[in-house]
Amino acid sequence: MSRRSQMEILIDILKAIAEGKQRPTHIMYKANLSWTRLKKQLNFLIRQGLVVAVEAESGKIYKITKRGLDIVHYFGKIKGELQYYRKESLANQIYIRE
């Protein structure tokens, strides 16, 4: 199993919040992170303006900003293009070998 890059971890956090996980523990489990790592990454995302922390009755919750949603969208689009390119490249390799 390969390790995730820093960007993949940040995208996993953004996707978890975009999917409705607002409580820190829920985000932590969805993004498969330790508590310490999650806090560090959330602080970074807040400083970048991609996530906001909101005080609620039950404690702090996190919400994704429009800019954060845009990044999740663009990352998904790039990932899809790269997978398409990889499939096309593999198809060409098979064609060449025959």
Protein backbone atom coordinates (compact mmCIF):
# COMPACT_ATOMS: atom_id res chain seq x y z
CA MET A 1 0.00 0.00 0.00
CA SER A 2 1.43 3.35 -1.01
CA ARG A 3 1.53 6.32 1.29
CA ARG A 4 -0.62 9.36 0.59
CA SER A 5 0.98 12.63 -0.39
CA GLN A 6 0.38 15.78 1.61
CA MET A 7 -1.99 17.00 -1.09
CA GLU A 8 -4.00 13.74 -1.04
CA ILE A 9 -4.39 14.05 2.74
CA LEU A 10 -5.63 17.63 2.43
CA ILE A 11 -8.04 16.65 -0.34
CA ASP A 12 -9.33 13.73 1.77
CA ILE A 13 -10.08 16.17 4.60
CA LEU A 14 -11.80 18.61 2.24
CA LYS A 15 -13.85 15.79 0.69
CA ALA A 16 -14.90 14.53 4.14
CA ILE A 17 -16.14 17.99 5.09
CA ALA A 18 -17.82 18.46 1.70
CA GLU A 19 -19.66 15.16 2.26
CA GLY A 20 -21.14 16.51 5.49
CA LYS A 21 -18.64 15.41 8.12
CA GLN A 22 -18.37 18.52 10.29
CA ARG A 23 -17.27 17.21 13.66
CA PRO A 24 -13.52 16.70 14.13
CA THR A 25 -13.82 13.04 15.08
CA HIS A 26 -15.96 12.25 12.03
CA ILE A 27 -13.51 14.04 9.74
CA MET A 28 -10.61 12.21 11.40
CA TYR A 29 -12.15 8.77 10.77
CA LYS A 30 -13.32 9.59 7.23
CA ALA A 31 -9.89 10.94 6.24
CA ASN A 32 -8.09 8.13 8.10
CA LEU A 33 -5.84 10.42 10.18
CA SER A 34 -4.56 10.64 13.71
CA TRP A 35 -5.93 13.38 15.95
CA THR A 36 -2.62 15.27 16.00
CA ARG A 37 -2.26 15.15 12.22
CA LEU A 38 -5.87 16.23 11.69
CA LYS A 39 -5.53 19.29 13.93
CA LYS A 40 -2.38 20.38 12.09
CA GLN A 41 -4.00 19.94 8.67
CA LEU A 42 -7.26 21.66 9.68
CA ASN A 43 -5.29 24.68 10.93
CA PHE A 44 -3.48 24.82 7.58
CA LEU A 45 -6.76 24.60 5.64
CA ILE A 46 -8.26 27.38 7.78
CA ARG A 47 -5.23 29.64 7.16
CA GLN A 48 -5.61 28.99 3.42
CA GLY A 49 -9.29 29.99 3.50
CA LEU A 50 -10.51 26.55 2.42
CA VAL A 51 -12.25 25.64 5.69
CA VAL A 52 -13.84 27.68 8.48
CA ALA A 53 -14.25 26.69 12.12
CA VAL A 54 -17.62 27.52 13.67
CA GLU A 55 -18.51 27.38 17.35
CA ALA A 56 -21.71 25.41 17.88
CA GLU A 57 -23.55 24.34 21.01
CA SER A 58 -22.00 20.90 20.80
CA GLY A 59 -18.47 22.23 20.16
CA LYS A 60 -16.42 23.28 17.18
CA ILE A 61 -17.53 22.20 13.73
CA TYR A 62 -15.85 22.72 10.37
CA LYS A 63 -17.36 23.88 7.11
CA ILE A 64 -15.83 23.97 3.66
CA THR A 65 -15.71 27.28 1.82
CA LYS A 66 -16.56 27.89 -1.83
CA ARG A 67 -12.85 28.00 -2.56
CA GLY A 68 -12.40 24.65 -0.81
CA LEU A 69 -15.19 23.11 -2.89
CA ASP A 70 -13.57 24.47 -6.04
CA ILE A 71 -10.31 22.76 -5.14
CA VAL A 72 -12.04 19.42 -4.50
CA HIS A 73 -13.77 19.77 -7.88
CA TYR A 74 -10.53 20.62 -9.73
CA PHE A 75 -8.62 17.81 -8.04
CA GLY A 76 -11.31 15.31 -9.05
CA LYS A 77 -11.20 16.60 -12.61
CA ILE A 78 -7.41 16.29 -12.79
CA LYS A 79 -7.49 12.83 -11.25
CA GLY A 80 -10.09 11.75 -13.78
CA GLU A 81 -8.01 13.09 -16.66
CA LEU A 82 -4.90 11.32 -15.41
CA GLN A 83 -6.78 8.03 -15.09
CA TYR A 84 -8.14 8.48 -18.63
CA TYR A 85 -4.62 9.16 -19.89
CA ARG A 86 -3.27 6.11 -18.07
CA LYS A 87 -5.98 3.85 -19.55
CA GLU A 88 -5.33 5.28 -23.01
CA SER A 89 -1.59 4.80 -22.58
CA LEU A 90 -2.06 1.19 -21.46
CA ALA A 91 -4.34 0.54 -24.44
CA ASN A 92 -1.67 1.91 -26.78
CA GLN A 93 0.98 -0.30 -25.20
CA ILE A 94 -1.17 -3.37 -25.72
CA TYR A 95 -1.85 -2.36 -29.32
CA ILE A 96 1.86 -1.84 -30.01
CA ARG A 97 2.82 -5.22 -28.56
CA GLU A 98 0.43 -7.15 -30.77
